[in-house]
Amino acid sequence: MADGQNRNEIEPGMEVGIVKKEDQRSGKITEGTVKDILTKSPFHPHGIKVRLNSGEVGRIKLFL
């Protein structure tokens, strides 16, 4: 099951749900399309950080 923690599961153009830094406490999900993958390491326990086409940045929590 893909959970957004492995970089090799993510490609630009995918529809995802992210949690932005300011939404970490509430857990609010922002949906969008991946533009850039910002995390360089192959794995991150809190989710791979991406930039959406809208310019918003956050960690992937789910795939749509």
C-alpha atoms as a PDB file:
ATOM      1  CA  MET A   1       0.000   0.000   0.000  1.00  0.00           C
ATOM      2  CA  ALA A   2       1.453   3.344  -1.039  1.00  0.00           C
ATOM      3  CA  ASP A   3       1.496   5.825   1.842  1.00  0.00           C
ATOM      4  CA  GLY A   4       3.645   8.639   0.470  1.00  0.00           C
ATOM      5  CA  GLN A   5       6.769   7.708   2.446  1.00  0.00           C
ATOM      6  CA  ASN A   6       8.761   6.243  -0.459  1.00  0.00           C
ATOM      7  CA  ARG A   7      10.108   8.628  -3.094  1.00  0.00           C
ATOM      8  CA  ASN A   8      10.010   5.981  -5.848  1.00  0.00           C
ATOM      9  CA  GLU A   9       6.177   5.772  -5.558  1.00  0.00           C
ATOM     10  CA  ILE A  10       5.744   9.437  -6.535  1.00  0.00           C
ATOM     11  CA  GLU A  11       5.893  11.067  -9.962  1.00  0.00           C
ATOM     12  CA  PRO A  12       5.057  14.571 -11.202  1.00  0.00           C
ATOM     13  CA  GLY A  13       1.468  14.701 -12.434  1.00  0.00           C
ATOM     14  CA  MET A  14       0.061  12.402  -9.713  1.00  0.00           C
ATOM     15  CA  GLU A  15      -3.043  13.511  -7.814  1.00  0.00           C
ATOM     16  CA  VAL A  16      -2.263  13.563  -4.077  1.00  0.00           C
ATOM     17  CA  GLY A  17      -3.378  14.884  -0.716  1.00  0.00           C
ATOM     18  CA  ILE A  18      -0.754  16.779   1.290  1.00  0.00           C
ATOM     19  CA  VAL A  19      -0.541  18.326   4.742  1.00  0.00           C
ATOM     20  CA  LYS A  20       1.090  21.760   4.662  1.00  0.00           C
ATOM     21  CA  LYS A  21       3.387  22.858   7.506  1.00  0.00           C
ATOM     22  CA  GLU A  22       0.769  25.216   8.955  1.00  0.00           C
ATOM     23  CA  ASP A  23      -1.868  22.452   8.852  1.00  0.00           C
ATOM     24  CA  GLN A  24       0.139  19.790  10.700  1.00  0.00           C
ATOM     25  CA  ARG A  25      -1.711  20.327  14.001  1.00  0.00           C
ATOM     26  CA  SER A  26      -5.174  20.102  12.421  1.00  0.00           C
ATOM     27  CA  GLY A  27      -4.193  17.471   9.851  1.00  0.00           C
ATOM     28  CA  LYS A  28      -6.059  19.391   7.124  1.00  0.00           C
ATOM     29  CA  ILE A  29      -5.506  17.766   3.714  1.00  0.00           C
ATOM     30  CA  THR A  30      -4.843  19.914   0.639  1.00  0.00           C
ATOM     31  CA  GLU A  31      -5.465  18.140  -2.676  1.00  0.00           C
ATOM     32  CA  GLY A  32      -3.578  18.802  -5.871  1.00  0.00           C
ATOM     33  CA  THR A  33      -1.227  17.611  -8.596  1.00  0.00           C
ATOM     34  CA  VAL A  34       2.483  17.018  -7.937  1.00  0.00           C
ATOM     35  CA  LYS A  35       4.748  19.480  -9.757  1.00  0.00           C
ATOM     36  CA  ASP A  36       8.104  18.868  -8.005  1.00  0.00           C
ATOM     37  CA  ILE A  37       9.439  16.301  -5.529  1.00  0.00           C
ATOM     38  CA  LEU A  38      11.385  18.191  -2.863  1.00  0.00           C
ATOM     39  CA  THR A  39      12.597  15.364  -0.593  1.00  0.00           C
ATOM     40  CA  LYS A  40      15.939  14.010  -1.816  1.00  0.00           C
ATOM     41  CA  SER A  41      16.112  10.875   0.361  1.00  0.00           C
ATOM     42  CA  PRO A  42      14.396   7.668  -0.872  1.00  0.00           C
ATOM     43  CA  PHE A  43      12.255   7.402   2.336  1.00  0.00           C
ATOM     44  CA  HIS A  44      10.778   9.834   4.856  1.00  0.00           C
ATOM     45  CA  PRO A  45       8.669   8.655   7.848  1.00  0.00           C
ATOM     46  CA  HIS A  46       6.358  11.719   7.734  1.00  0.00           C
ATOM     47  CA  GLY A  47       5.813  11.599   3.973  1.00  0.00           C
ATOM     48  CA  ILE A  48       7.732  12.830   0.952  1.00  0.00           C
ATOM     49  CA  LYS A  49       7.639  16.627   0.590  1.00  0.00           C
ATOM     50  CA  VAL A  50       6.308  17.888  -2.740  1.00  0.00           C
ATOM     51  CA  ARG A  51       5.291  21.126  -4.452  1.00  0.00           C
ATOM     52  CA  LEU A  52       1.872  21.107  -6.099  1.00  0.00           C
ATOM     53  CA  ASN A  53       1.019  22.872  -9.375  1.00  0.00           C
ATOM     54  CA  SER A  54      -0.698  25.508  -7.195  1.00  0.00           C
ATOM     55  CA  GLY A  55       2.666  26.283  -5.537  1.00  0.00           C
ATOM     56  CA  GLU A  56       1.647  24.828  -2.170  1.00  0.00           C
ATOM     57  CA  VAL A  57       4.251  22.687  -0.390  1.00  0.00           C
ATOM     58  CA  GLY A  58       3.588  19.815   1.994  1.00  0.00           C
ATOM     59  CA  ARG A  59       4.107  16.160   2.800  1.00  0.00           C
ATOM     60  CA  ILE A  60       2.100  13.503   0.966  1.00  0.00           C
ATOM     61  CA  LYS A  61      -0.487  11.765   3.158  1.00  0.00           C
ATOM     62  CA  LEU A  62      -2.633  10.043   0.528  1.00  0.00           C
ATOM     63  CA  PHE A  63      -2.978   9.297  -3.156  1.00  0.00           C
ATOM     64  CA  LEU A  64      -6.215  10.260  -4.922  1.00  0.00           C
END
